[in-house]
Amino acid sequence: MKKPSWDAWATGKSAGMILLMLPVLAVVAFVAQILEALYYAAVCVFYVITSPYWITRTVWRALRPVRTAEHAARRTEAREAISSTVKGCGCVLAGLAIPAAIIVVVALANY
């Protein structure tokens, strides 16, 4: 989709018309922001509701007995998914723990 151009839109319009259109554009932008927030809220609710299913399914596939080649492939895939998730969460937790430790040290030094 082509990105809108302010210059192309304003070409041929008087300054008064542009000033009159600014409140309309502001309302449209405001409504667009609300719709975007509602969209992301709906996506968040969807993932919060469905995440226990996917977590349980992945853990079951990683731990269940292997009877066929398909089960073995799924087990490997599930274990890789769990491993990468744990690594990612560990990085996020470390990224949060370091600033938290700095804040605690500074707070104790100022106490």
PDB file of N, CA and C in Angstrom:
ATOM      1  N   MET A   1       0.847  -1.172   0.000  1.00  0.00           N
ATOM      2  CA  MET A   1       0.000   0.000   0.000  1.00  0.00           C
ATOM      3  C   MET A   1       0.895   1.238   0.000  1.00  0.00           C
ATOM      4  N   LYS A   2       0.542   2.167  -0.824  1.00  0.00           N
ATOM      5  CA  LYS A   2       1.338   3.396  -0.942  1.00  0.00           C
ATOM      6  C   LYS A   2       1.110   4.264   0.298  1.00  0.00           C
ATOM      7  N   LYS A   3       2.211   4.789   0.816  1.00  0.00           N
ATOM      8  CA  LYS A   3       2.137   5.652   1.997  1.00  0.00           C
ATOM      9  C   LYS A   3       1.548   7.011   1.603  1.00  0.00           C
ATOM     10  N   PRO A   4       0.612   7.524   2.416  1.00  0.00           N
ATOM     11  CA  PRO A   4       0.022   8.823   2.065  1.00  0.00           C
ATOM     12  C   PRO A   4       1.047   9.956   2.152  1.00  0.00           C
ATOM     13  N   SER A   5       0.881  10.930   1.293  1.00  0.00           N
ATOM     14  CA  SER A   5       1.800  12.066   1.245  1.00  0.00           C
ATOM     15  C   SER A   5       1.051  13.338   1.624  1.00  0.00           C
ATOM     16  N   TRP A   6       1.529  14.020   2.649  1.00  0.00           N
ATOM     17  CA  TRP A   6       0.904  15.270   3.091  1.00  0.00           C
ATOM     18  C   TRP A   6       1.007  16.325   2.000  1.00  0.00           C
ATOM     19  N   ASP A   7       2.157  16.388   1.337  1.00  0.00           N
ATOM     20  CA  ASP A   7       2.353  17.393   0.282  1.00  0.00           C
ATOM     21  C   ASP A   7       1.399  17.170  -0.883  1.00  0.00           C
ATOM     22  N   ALA A   8       1.215  15.911  -1.286  1.00  0.00           N
ATOM     23  CA  ALA A   8       0.307  15.624  -2.397  1.00  0.00           C
ATOM     24  C   ALA A   8      -1.128  15.962  -2.009  1.00  0.00           C
ATOM     25  N   TRP A   9      -1.494  15.719  -0.760  1.00  0.00           N
ATOM     26  CA  TRP A   9      -2.853  16.016  -0.312  1.00  0.00           C
ATOM     27  C   TRP A   9      -3.093  17.526  -0.271  1.00  0.00           C
ATOM     28  N   ALA A  10      -2.081  18.276   0.183  1.00  0.00           N
ATOM     29  CA  ALA A  10      -2.245  19.720   0.367  1.00  0.00           C
ATOM     30  C   ALA A  10      -2.114  20.513  -0.930  1.00  0.00           C
ATOM     31  N   THR A  11      -1.625  19.898  -2.000  1.00  0.00           N
ATOM     32  CA  THR A  11      -1.438  20.609  -3.265  1.00  0.00           C
ATOM     33  C   THR A  11      -2.786  21.061  -3.828  1.00  0.00           C
ATOM     34  N   GLY A  12      -2.877  22.342  -4.143  1.00  0.00           N
ATOM     35  CA  GLY A  12      -4.090  22.885  -4.733  1.00  0.00           C
ATOM     36  C   GLY A  12      -5.134  23.330  -3.728  1.00  0.00           C
ATOM     37  N   LYS A  13      -4.872  23.190  -2.467  1.00  0.00           N
ATOM     38  CA  LYS A  13      -5.831  23.616  -1.444  1.00  0.00           C
ATOM     39  C   LYS A  13      -5.329  24.913  -0.804  1.00  0.00           C
ATOM     40  N   SER A  14      -6.248  25.745  -0.431  1.00  0.00           N
ATOM     41  CA  SER A  14      -5.854  26.993   0.228  1.00  0.00           C
ATOM     42  C   SER A  14      -5.493  26.712   1.681  1.00  0.00           C
ATOM     43  N   ALA A  15      -4.781  27.675   2.277  1.00  0.00           N
ATOM     44  CA  ALA A  15      -4.380  27.524   3.678  1.00  0.00           C
ATOM     45  C   ALA A  15      -5.599  27.455   4.585  1.00  0.00           C
ATOM     46  N   GLY A  16      -6.649  28.208   4.248  1.00  0.00           N
ATOM     47  CA  GLY A  16      -7.872  28.183   5.057  1.00  0.00           C
ATOM     48  C   GLY A  16      -8.534  26.815   5.032  1.00  0.00           C
ATOM     49  N   MET A  17      -8.578  26.184   3.860  1.00  0.00           N
ATOM     50  CA  MET A  17      -9.189  24.851   3.748  1.00  0.00           C
ATOM     51  C   MET A  17      -8.388  23.820   4.534  1.00  0.00           C
ATOM     52  N   ILE A  18      -7.076  23.946   4.475  1.00  0.00           N
ATOM     53  CA  ILE A  18      -6.227  23.016   5.232  1.00  0.00           C
ATOM     54  C   ILE A  18      -6.460  23.195   6.727  1.00  0.00           C
ATOM     55  N   LEU A  19      -6.544  24.443   7.178  1.00  0.00           N
ATOM     56  CA  LEU A  19      -6.809  24.697   8.595  1.00  0.00           C
ATOM     57  C   LEU A  19      -8.176  24.174   9.017  1.00  0.00           C
ATOM     58  N   LEU A  20      -9.166  24.276   8.135  1.00  0.00           N
ATOM     59  CA  LEU A  20     -10.494  23.746   8.448  1.00  0.00           C
ATOM     60  C   LEU A  20     -10.503  22.212   8.501  1.00  0.00           C
ATOM     61  N   MET A  21      -9.620  21.584   7.725  1.00  0.00           N
ATOM     62  CA  MET A  21      -9.570  20.119   7.693  1.00  0.00           C
ATOM     63  C   MET A  21      -8.791  19.524   8.860  1.00  0.00           C
ATOM     64  N   LEU A  22      -7.960  20.307   9.534  1.00  0.00           N
ATOM     65  CA  LEU A  22      -7.133  19.764  10.611  1.00  0.00           C
ATOM     66  C   LEU A  22      -7.950  19.136  11.739  1.00  0.00           C
ATOM     67  N   PRO A  23      -9.054  19.755  12.202  1.00  0.00           N
ATOM     68  CA  PRO A  23      -9.844  19.071  13.239  1.00  0.00           C
ATOM     69  C   PRO A  23     -10.423  17.733  12.767  1.00  0.00           C
ATOM     70  N   VAL A  24     -10.826  17.671  11.511  1.00  0.00           N
ATOM     71  CA  VAL A  24     -11.347  16.410  10.969  1.00  0.00           C
ATOM     72  C   VAL A  24     -10.247  15.355  10.951  1.00  0.00           C
ATOM     73  N   LEU A  25      -9.068  15.753  10.497  1.00  0.00           N
ATOM     74  CA  LEU A  25      -7.944  14.821  10.486  1.00  0.00           C
ATOM     75  C   LEU A  25      -7.575  14.380  11.896  1.00  0.00           C
ATOM     76  N   ALA A  26      -7.660  15.287  12.859  1.00  0.00           N
ATOM     77  CA  ALA A  26      -7.356  14.930  14.248  1.00  0.00           C
ATOM     78  C   ALA A  26      -8.355  13.908  14.790  1.00  0.00           C
ATOM     79  N   VAL A  27      -9.627  14.091  14.466  1.00  0.00           N
ATOM     80  CA  VAL A  27     -10.652  13.139  14.917  1.00  0.00           C
ATOM     81  C   VAL A  27     -10.428  11.778  14.265  1.00  0.00           C
ATOM     82  N   VAL A  28     -10.124  11.766  12.982  1.00  0.00           N
ATOM     83  CA  VAL A  28      -9.864  10.503  12.294  1.00  0.00           C
ATOM     84  C   VAL A  28      -8.657   9.797  12.913  1.00  0.00           C
ATOM     85  N   ALA A  29      -7.609  10.543  13.205  1.00  0.00           N
ATOM     86  CA  ALA A  29      -6.417   9.956  13.818  1.00  0.00           C
ATOM     87  C   ALA A  29      -6.729   9.424  15.211  1.00  0.00           C
ATOM     88  N   PHE A  30      -7.543  10.148  15.975  1.00  0.00           N
ATOM     89  CA  PHE A  30      -7.921   9.719  17.319  1.00  0.00           C
ATOM     90  C   PHE A  30      -8.715   8.418  17.260  1.00  0.00           C
ATOM     91  N   VAL A  31      -9.668   8.348  16.351  1.00  0.00           N
ATOM     92  CA  VAL A  31     -10.470   7.124  16.199  1.00  0.00           C
ATOM     93  C   VAL A  31      -9.581   5.964  15.756  1.00  0.00           C
ATOM     94  N   ALA A  32      -8.638   6.232  14.880  1.00  0.00           N
ATOM     95  CA  ALA A  32      -7.724   5.189  14.424  1.00  0.00           C
ATOM     96  C   ALA A  32      -6.885   4.656  15.586  1.00  0.00           C
ATOM     97  N   GLN A  33      -6.453   5.538  16.473  1.00  0.00           N
ATOM     98  CA  GLN A  33      -5.680   5.103  17.634  1.00  0.00           C
ATOM     99  C   GLN A  33      -6.522   4.233  18.561  1.00  0.00           C
ATOM    100  N   ILE A  34      -7.772   4.601  18.761  1.00  0.00           N
ATOM    101  CA  ILE A  34      -8.660   3.797  19.617  1.00  0.00           C
ATOM    102  C   ILE A  34      -8.880   2.423  18.993  1.00  0.00           C
ATOM    103  N   LEU A  35      -9.125   2.380  17.689  1.00  0.00           N
ATOM    104  CA  LEU A  35      -9.309   1.093  17.016  1.00  0.00           C
ATOM    105  C   LEU A  35      -8.056   0.229  17.100  1.00  0.00           C
ATOM    106  N   GLU A  36      -6.900   0.847  16.964  1.00  0.00           N
ATOM    107  CA  GLU A  36      -5.653   0.096  17.071  1.00  0.00           C
ATOM    108  C   GLU A  36      -5.482  -0.459  18.483  1.00  0.00           C
ATOM    109  N   ALA A  37      -5.786   0.332  19.494  1.00  0.00           N
ATOM    110  CA  ALA A  37      -5.685  -0.146  20.880  1.00  0.00           C
ATOM    111  C   ALA A  37      -6.656  -1.292  21.133  1.00  0.00           C
ATOM    112  N   LEU A  38      -7.869  -1.202  20.601  1.00  0.00           N
ATOM    113  CA  LEU A  38      -8.832  -2.294  20.751  1.00  0.00           C
ATOM    114  C   LEU A  38      -8.350  -3.565  20.054  1.00  0.00           C
ATOM    115  N   TYR A  39      -7.748  -3.404  18.890  1.00  0.00           N
ATOM    116  CA  TYR A  39      -7.208  -4.554  18.170  1.00  0.00           C
ATOM    117  C   TYR A  39      -6.132  -5.251  18.995  1.00  0.00           C
ATOM    118  N   TYR A  40      -5.179  -4.480  19.516  1.00  0.00           N
ATOM    119  CA  TYR A  40      -4.111  -5.091  20.306  1.00  0.00           C
ATOM    120  C   TYR A  40      -4.626  -5.672  21.609  1.00  0.00           C
ATOM    121  N   ALA A  41      -5.655  -5.070  22.201  1.00  0.00           N
ATOM    122  CA  ALA A  41      -6.263  -5.641  23.406  1.00  0.00           C
ATOM    123  C   ALA A  41      -6.908  -6.986  23.087  1.00  0.00           C
ATOM    124  N   ALA A  42      -7.580  -7.075  21.955  1.00  0.00           N
ATOM    125  CA  ALA A  42      -8.205  -8.341  21.562  1.00  0.00           C
ATOM    126  C   ALA A  42      -7.156  -9.419  21.304  1.00  0.00           C
ATOM    127  N   VAL A  43      -6.070  -9.052  20.659  1.00  0.00           N
ATOM    128  CA  VAL A  43      -4.988 -10.009  20.415  1.00  0.00           C
ATOM    129  C   VAL A  43      -4.388 -10.471  21.738  1.00  0.00           C
ATOM    130  N   CYS A  44      -4.189  -9.550  22.659  1.00  0.00           N
ATOM    131  CA  CYS A  44      -3.634  -9.888  23.972  1.00  0.00           C
ATOM    132  C   CYS A  44      -4.561 -10.850  24.714  1.00  0.00           C
ATOM    133  N   VAL A  45      -5.858 -10.574  24.725  1.00  0.00           N
ATOM    134  CA  VAL A  45      -6.816 -11.463  25.389  1.00  0.00           C
ATOM    135  C   VAL A  45      -6.799 -12.838  24.736  1.00  0.00           C
ATOM    136  N   PHE A  46      -6.731 -12.888  23.412  1.00  0.00           N
ATOM    137  CA  PHE A  46      -6.675 -14.170  22.711  1.00  0.00           C
ATOM    138  C   PHE A  46      -5.469 -14.985  23.167  1.00  0.00           C
ATOM    139  N   TYR A  47      -4.293 -14.353  23.223  1.00  0.00           N
ATOM    140  CA  TYR A  47      -3.096 -15.084  23.612  1.00  0.00           C
ATOM    141  C   TYR A  47      -3.121 -15.479  25.082  1.00  0.00           C
ATOM    142  N   VAL A  48      -3.672 -14.650  25.938  1.00  0.00           N
ATOM    143  CA  VAL A  48      -3.761 -15.006  27.353  1.00  0.00           C
ATOM    144  C   VAL A  48      -4.686 -16.203  27.543  1.00  0.00           C
ATOM    145  N   ILE A  49      -5.778 -16.235  26.792  1.00  0.00           N
ATOM    146  CA  ILE A  49      -6.720 -17.346  26.925  1.00  0.00           C
ATOM    147  C   ILE A  49      -6.170 -18.637  26.321  1.00  0.00           C
ATOM    148  N   THR A  50      -5.499 -18.548  25.181  1.00  0.00           N
ATOM    149  CA  THR A  50      -5.043 -19.760  24.502  1.00  0.00           C
ATOM    150  C   THR A  50      -3.655 -20.229  24.923  1.00  0.00           C
ATOM    151  N   SER A  51      -2.886 -19.410  25.624  1.00  0.00           N
ATOM    152  CA  SER A  51      -1.524 -19.816  25.962  1.00  0.00           C
ATOM    153  C   SER A  51      -1.444 -21.065  26.843  1.00  0.00           C
ATOM    154  N   PRO A  52      -2.338 -21.277  27.826  1.00  0.00           N
ATOM    155  CA  PRO A  52      -2.235 -22.531  28.589  1.00  0.00           C
ATOM    156  C   PRO A  52      -2.371 -23.776  27.706  1.00  0.00           C
ATOM    157  N   TYR A  53      -3.222 -23.702  26.691  1.00  0.00           N
ATOM    158  CA  TYR A  53      -3.363 -24.840  25.772  1.00  0.00           C
ATOM    159  C   TYR A  53      -2.049 -25.116  25.061  1.00  0.00           C
ATOM    160  N   TRP A  54      -1.434 -24.073  24.505  1.00  0.00           N
ATOM    161  CA  TRP A  54      -0.211 -24.281  23.738  1.00  0.00           C
ATOM    162  C   TRP A  54       0.937 -24.713  24.635  1.00  0.00           C
ATOM    163  N   ILE A  55       0.993 -24.187  25.850  1.00  0.00           N
ATOM    164  CA  ILE A  55       2.045 -24.600  26.782  1.00  0.00           C
ATOM    165  C   ILE A  55       1.886 -26.066  27.129  1.00  0.00           C
ATOM    166  N   THR A  56       0.652 -26.473  27.474  1.00  0.00           N
ATOM    167  CA  THR A  56       0.400 -27.868  27.832  1.00  0.00           C
ATOM    168  C   THR A  56       0.701 -28.790  26.660  1.00  0.00           C
ATOM    169  N   ARG A  57       0.301 -28.402  25.469  1.00  0.00           N
ATOM    170  CA  ARG A  57       0.546 -29.225  24.281  1.00  0.00           C
ATOM    171  C   ARG A  57       2.039 -29.389  24.020  1.00  0.00           C
ATOM    172  N   THR A  58       2.803 -28.314  24.152  1.00  0.00           N
ATOM    173  CA  THR A  58       4.242 -28.386  23.905  1.00  0.00           C
ATOM    174  C   THR A  58       4.937 -29.247  24.946  1.00  0.00           C
ATOM    175  N   VAL A  59       4.569 -29.077  26.222  1.00  0.00           N
ATOM    176  CA  VAL A  59       5.190 -29.893  27.276  1.00  0.00           C
ATOM    177  C   VAL A  59       4.828 -31.360  27.075  1.00  0.00           C
ATOM    178  N   TRP A  60       3.578 -31.647  26.729  1.00  0.00           N
ATOM    179  CA  TRP A  60       3.174 -33.035  26.491  1.00  0.00           C
ATOM    180  C   TRP A  60       3.970 -33.637  25.334  1.00  0.00           C
ATOM    181  N   ARG A  61       4.134 -32.883  24.248  1.00  0.00           N
ATOM    182  CA  ARG A  61       4.889 -33.404  23.107  1.00  0.00           C
ATOM    183  C   ARG A  61       6.360 -33.610  23.450  1.00  0.00           C
ATOM    184  N   ALA A  62       6.888 -32.787  24.352  1.00  0.00           N
ATOM    185  CA  ALA A  62       8.298 -32.930  24.727  1.00  0.00           C
ATOM    186  C   ALA A  62       8.524 -34.116  25.649  1.00  0.00           C
ATOM    187  N   LEU A  63       7.508 -34.506  26.409  1.00  0.00           N
ATOM    188  CA  LEU A  63       7.703 -35.530  27.440  1.00  0.00           C
ATOM    189  C   LEU A  63       7.019 -36.864  27.147  1.00  0.00           C
ATOM    190  N   ARG A  64       6.122 -36.919  26.185  1.00  0.00           N
ATOM    191  CA  ARG A  64       5.368 -38.152  25.963  1.00  0.00           C
ATOM    192  C   ARG A  64       6.260 -39.242  25.372  1.00  0.00           C
ATOM    193  N   PRO A  65       5.827 -40.491  25.532  1.00  0.00           N
ATOM    194  CA  PRO A  65       6.616 -41.592  24.964  1.00  0.00           C
ATOM    195  C   PRO A  65       6.627 -41.533  23.433  1.00  0.00           C
ATOM    196  N   VAL A  66       7.746 -41.917  22.866  1.00  0.00           N
ATOM    197  CA  VAL A  66       7.905 -41.897  21.417  1.00  0.00           C
ATOM    198  C   VAL A  66       7.550 -43.275  20.877  1.00  0.00           C
ATOM    199  N   ARG A  67       6.529 -43.322  20.005  1.00  0.00           N
ATOM    200  CA  ARG A  67       6.101 -44.588  19.404  1.00  0.00           C
ATOM    201  C   ARG A  67       6.290 -44.601  17.894  1.00  0.00           C
ATOM    202  N   THR A  68       6.297 -43.414  17.286  1.00  0.00           N
ATOM    203  CA  THR A  68       6.448 -43.340  15.827  1.00  0.00           C
ATOM    204  C   THR A  68       7.501 -42.289  15.486  1.00  0.00           C
ATOM    205  N   ALA A  69       7.897 -42.272  14.224  1.00  0.00           N
ATOM    206  CA  ALA A  69       8.869 -41.267  13.766  1.00  0.00           C
ATOM    207  C   ALA A  69       8.269 -39.862  13.859  1.00  0.00           C
ATOM    208  N   GLU A  70       6.959 -39.763  13.648  1.00  0.00           N
ATOM    209  CA  GLU A  70       6.294 -38.458  13.752  1.00  0.00           C
ATOM    210  C   GLU A  70       6.344 -37.942  15.191  1.00  0.00           C
ATOM    211  N   HIS A  71       6.152 -38.858  16.163  1.00  0.00           N
ATOM    212  CA  HIS A  71       6.253 -38.456  17.574  1.00  0.00           C
ATOM    213  C   HIS A  71       7.664 -37.981  17.897  1.00  0.00           C
ATOM    214  N   ALA A  72       8.666 -38.657  17.334  1.00  0.00           N
ATOM    215  CA  ALA A  72      10.058 -38.261  17.589  1.00  0.00           C
ATOM    216  C   ALA A  72      10.343 -36.870  17.017  1.00  0.00           C
ATOM    217  N   ALA A  73       9.831 -36.605  15.821  1.00  0.00           N
ATOM    218  CA  ALA A  73      10.047 -35.289  15.218  1.00  0.00           C
ATOM    219  C   ALA A  73       9.339 -34.209  16.024  1.00  0.00           C
ATOM    220  N   ARG A  74       8.128 -34.503  16.473  1.00  0.00           N
ATOM    221  CA  ARG A  74       7.396 -33.529  17.289  1.00  0.00           C
ATOM    222  C   ARG A  74       8.075 -33.316  18.635  1.00  0.00           C
ATOM    223  N   ARG A  75       8.631 -34.383  19.211  1.00  0.00           N
ATOM    224  CA  ARG A  75       9.335 -34.247  20.489  1.00  0.00           C
ATOM    225  C   ARG A  75      10.540 -33.330  20.322  1.00  0.00           C
ATOM    226  N   THR A  76      11.296 -33.539  19.262  1.00  0.00           N
ATOM    227  CA  THR A  76      12.469 -32.690  19.006  1.00  0.00           C
ATOM    228  C   THR A  76      12.058 -31.239  18.812  1.00  0.00           C
ATOM    229  N   GLU A  77      11.015 -31.036  18.030  1.00  0.00           N
ATOM    230  CA  GLU A  77      10.535 -29.676  17.784  1.00  0.00           C
ATOM    231  C   GLU A  77      10.053 -29.018  19.082  1.00  0.00           C
ATOM    232  N   ALA A  78       9.329 -29.775  19.915  1.00  0.00           N
ATOM    233  CA  ALA A  78       8.830 -29.228  21.181  1.00  0.00           C
ATOM    234  C   ALA A  78       9.984 -28.894  22.122  1.00  0.00           C
ATOM    235  N   ARG A  79      10.974 -29.762  22.174  1.00  0.00           N
ATOM    236  CA  ARG A  79      12.121 -29.484  23.056  1.00  0.00           C
ATOM    237  C   ARG A  79      12.906 -28.272  22.584  1.00  0.00           C
ATOM    238  N   GLU A  80      13.023 -28.089  21.280  1.00  0.00           N
ATOM    239  CA  GLU A  80      13.690 -26.886  20.759  1.00  0.00           C
ATOM    240  C   GLU A  80      12.885 -25.633  21.093  1.00  0.00           C
ATOM    241  N   ALA A  81      11.564 -25.731  21.000  1.00  0.00           N
ATOM    242  CA  ALA A  81      10.707 -24.582  21.330  1.00  0.00           C
ATOM    243  C   ALA A  81      10.839 -24.224  22.808  1.00  0.00           C
ATOM    244  N   ILE A  82      10.843 -25.232  23.664  1.00  0.00           N
ATOM    245  CA  ILE A  82      10.979 -24.986  25.105  1.00  0.00           C
ATOM    246  C   ILE A  82      12.348 -24.380  25.405  1.00  0.00           C
ATOM    247  N   SER A  83      13.380 -24.917  24.776  1.00  0.00           N
ATOM    248  CA  SER A  83      14.736 -24.411  25.001  1.00  0.00           C
ATOM    249  C   SER A  83      14.867 -22.946  24.582  1.00  0.00           C
ATOM    250  N   SER A  84      14.364 -22.619  23.411  1.00  0.00           N
ATOM    251  CA  SER A  84      14.481 -21.230  22.942  1.00  0.00           C
ATOM    252  C   SER A  84      13.638 -20.286  23.798  1.00  0.00           C
ATOM    253  N   THR A  85      12.481 -20.768  24.273  1.00  0.00           N
ATOM    254  CA  THR A  85      11.643 -19.934  25.133  1.00  0.00           C
ATOM    255  C   THR A  85      12.329 -19.661  26.458  1.00  0.00           C
ATOM    256  N   VAL A  86      12.928 -20.698  27.043  1.00  0.00           N
ATOM    257  CA  VAL A  86      13.629 -20.526  28.319  1.00  0.00           C
ATOM    258  C   VAL A  86      14.814 -19.579  28.152  1.00  0.00           C
ATOM    259  N   LYS A  87      15.541 -19.714  27.044  1.00  0.00           N
ATOM    260  CA  LYS A  87      16.666 -18.805  26.795  1.00  0.00           C
ATOM    261  C   LYS A  87      16.181 -17.370  26.636  1.00  0.00           C
ATOM    262  N   GLY A  88      15.108 -17.179  25.884  1.00  0.00           N
ATOM    263  CA  GLY A  88      14.565 -15.839  25.689  1.00  0.00           C
ATOM    264  C   GLY A  88      14.067 -15.229  26.980  1.00  0.00           C
ATOM    265  N   CYS A  89      13.355 -16.029  27.773  1.00  0.00           N
ATOM    266  CA  CYS A  89      12.853 -15.520  29.049  1.00  0.00           C
ATOM    267  C   CYS A  89      14.009 -15.230  30.009  1.00  0.00           C
ATOM    268  N   GLY A  90      15.047 -16.063  29.943  1.00  0.00           N
ATOM    269  CA  GLY A  90      16.213 -15.816  30.788  1.00  0.00           C
ATOM    270  C   GLY A  90      16.886 -14.503  30.448  1.00  0.00           C
ATOM    271  N   CYS A  91      16.966 -14.200  29.159  1.00  0.00           N
ATOM    272  CA  CYS A  91      17.556 -12.923  28.741  1.00  0.00           C
ATOM    273  C   CYS A  91      16.700 -11.750  29.210  1.00  0.00           C
ATOM    274  N   VAL A  92      15.387 -11.894  29.110  1.00  0.00           N
ATOM    275  CA  VAL A  92      14.491 -10.824  29.556  1.00  0.00           C
ATOM    276  C   VAL A  92      14.615 -10.638  31.065  1.00  0.00           C
ATOM    277  N   LEU A  93      14.625 -11.739  31.803  1.00  0.00           N
ATOM    278  CA  LEU A  93      14.752 -11.647  33.268  1.00  0.00           C
ATOM    279  C   LEU A  93      16.099 -11.040  33.668  1.00  0.00           C
ATOM    280  N   ALA A  94      17.167 -11.424  32.978  1.00  0.00           N
ATOM    281  CA  ALA A  94      18.469 -10.826  33.266  1.00  0.00           C
ATOM    282  C   ALA A  94      18.454  -9.339  32.933  1.00  0.00           C
ATOM    283  N   GLY A  95      17.806  -8.988  31.828  1.00  0.00           N
ATOM    284  CA  GLY A  95      17.703  -7.586  31.458  1.00  0.00           C
ATOM    285  C   GLY A  95      16.916  -6.768  32.467  1.00  0.00           C
ATOM    286  N   LEU A  96      15.967  -7.396  33.137  1.00  0.00           N
ATOM    287  CA  LEU A  96      15.210  -6.707  34.185  1.00  0.00           C
ATOM    288  C   LEU A  96      15.939  -6.724  35.525  1.00  0.00           C
ATOM    289  N   ALA A  97      16.691  -7.787  35.791  1.00  0.00           N
ATOM    290  CA  ALA A  97      17.363  -7.930  37.078  1.00  0.00           C
ATOM    291  C   ALA A  97      18.532  -6.955  37.222  1.00  0.00           C
ATOM    292  N   ILE A  98      19.233  -6.698  36.150  1.00  0.00           N
ATOM    293  CA  ILE A  98      20.395  -5.806  36.230  1.00  0.00           C
ATOM    294  C   ILE A  98      19.985  -4.381  36.614  1.00  0.00           C
ATOM    295  N   PRO A  99      19.000  -3.767  35.941  1.00  0.00           N
ATOM    296  CA  PRO A  99      18.571  -2.433  36.388  1.00  0.00           C
ATOM    297  C   PRO A  99      17.973  -2.460  37.800  1.00  0.00           C
ATOM    298  N   ALA A 100      17.274  -3.552  38.139  1.00  0.00           N
ATOM    299  CA  ALA A 100      16.708  -3.656  39.492  1.00  0.00           C
ATOM    300  C   ALA A 100      17.817  -3.677  40.533  1.00  0.00           C
ATOM    301  N   ALA A 101      18.889  -4.413  40.264  1.00  0.00           N
ATOM    302  CA  ALA A 101      20.011  -4.460  41.203  1.00  0.00           C
ATOM    303  C   ALA A 101      20.669  -3.093  41.326  1.00  0.00           C
ATOM    304  N   ILE A 102      20.805  -2.377  40.212  1.00  0.00           N
ATOM    305  CA  ILE A 102      21.398  -1.037  40.255  1.00  0.00           C
ATOM    306  C   ILE A 102      20.516  -0.107  41.097  1.00  0.00           C
ATOM    307  N   ILE A 103      19.202  -0.187  40.911  1.00  0.00           N
ATOM    308  CA  ILE A 103      18.281   0.660  41.677  1.00  0.00           C
ATOM    309  C   ILE A 103      18.388   0.345  43.166  1.00  0.00           C
ATOM    310  N   VAL A 104      18.483  -0.931  43.518  1.00  0.00           N
ATOM    311  CA  VAL A 104      18.599  -1.328  44.932  1.00  0.00           C
ATOM    312  C   VAL A 104      19.899  -0.809  45.513  1.00  0.00           C
ATOM    313  N   VAL A 105      20.997  -0.944  44.786  1.00  0.00           N
ATOM    314  CA  VAL A 105      22.292  -0.471  45.284  1.00  0.00           C
ATOM    315  C   VAL A 105      22.275   1.037  45.480  1.00  0.00           C
ATOM    316  N   VAL A 106      21.714   1.773  44.520  1.00  0.00           N
ATOM    317  CA  VAL A 106      21.632   3.225  44.643  1.00  0.00           C
ATOM    318  C   VAL A 106      20.726   3.607  45.804  1.00  0.00           C
ATOM    319  N   ALA A 107      19.607   2.917  45.963  1.00  0.00           N
ATOM    320  CA  ALA A 107      18.692   3.215  47.061  1.00  0.00           C
ATOM    321  C   ALA A 107      19.348   2.955  48.413  1.00  0.00           C
ATOM    322  N   LEU A 108      20.084   1.842  48.524  1.00  0.00           N
ATOM    323  CA  LEU A 108      20.766   1.544  49.777  1.00  0.00           C
ATOM    324  C   LEU A 108      21.903   2.527  50.041  1.00  0.00           C
ATOM    325  N   ALA A 109      22.585   2.978  48.982  1.00  0.00           N
ATOM    326  CA  ALA A 109      23.664   3.943  49.167  1.00  0.00           C
ATOM    327  C   ALA A 109      23.124   5.276  49.638  1.00  0.00           C
ATOM    328  N   ASN A 110      21.917   5.639  49.177  1.00  0.00           N
ATOM    329  CA  ASN A 110      21.320   6.918  49.574  1.00  0.00           C
ATOM    330  C   ASN A 110      20.571   6.819  50.885  1.00  0.00           C
ATOM    331  N   TYR A 111      20.392   5.630  51.421  1.00  0.00           N
ATOM    332  CA  TYR A 111      19.638   5.437  52.645  1.00  0.00           C
ATOM    333  C   TYR A 111      20.444   5.862  53.801  1.00  0.00           C
TER     334      TYR A 111
END
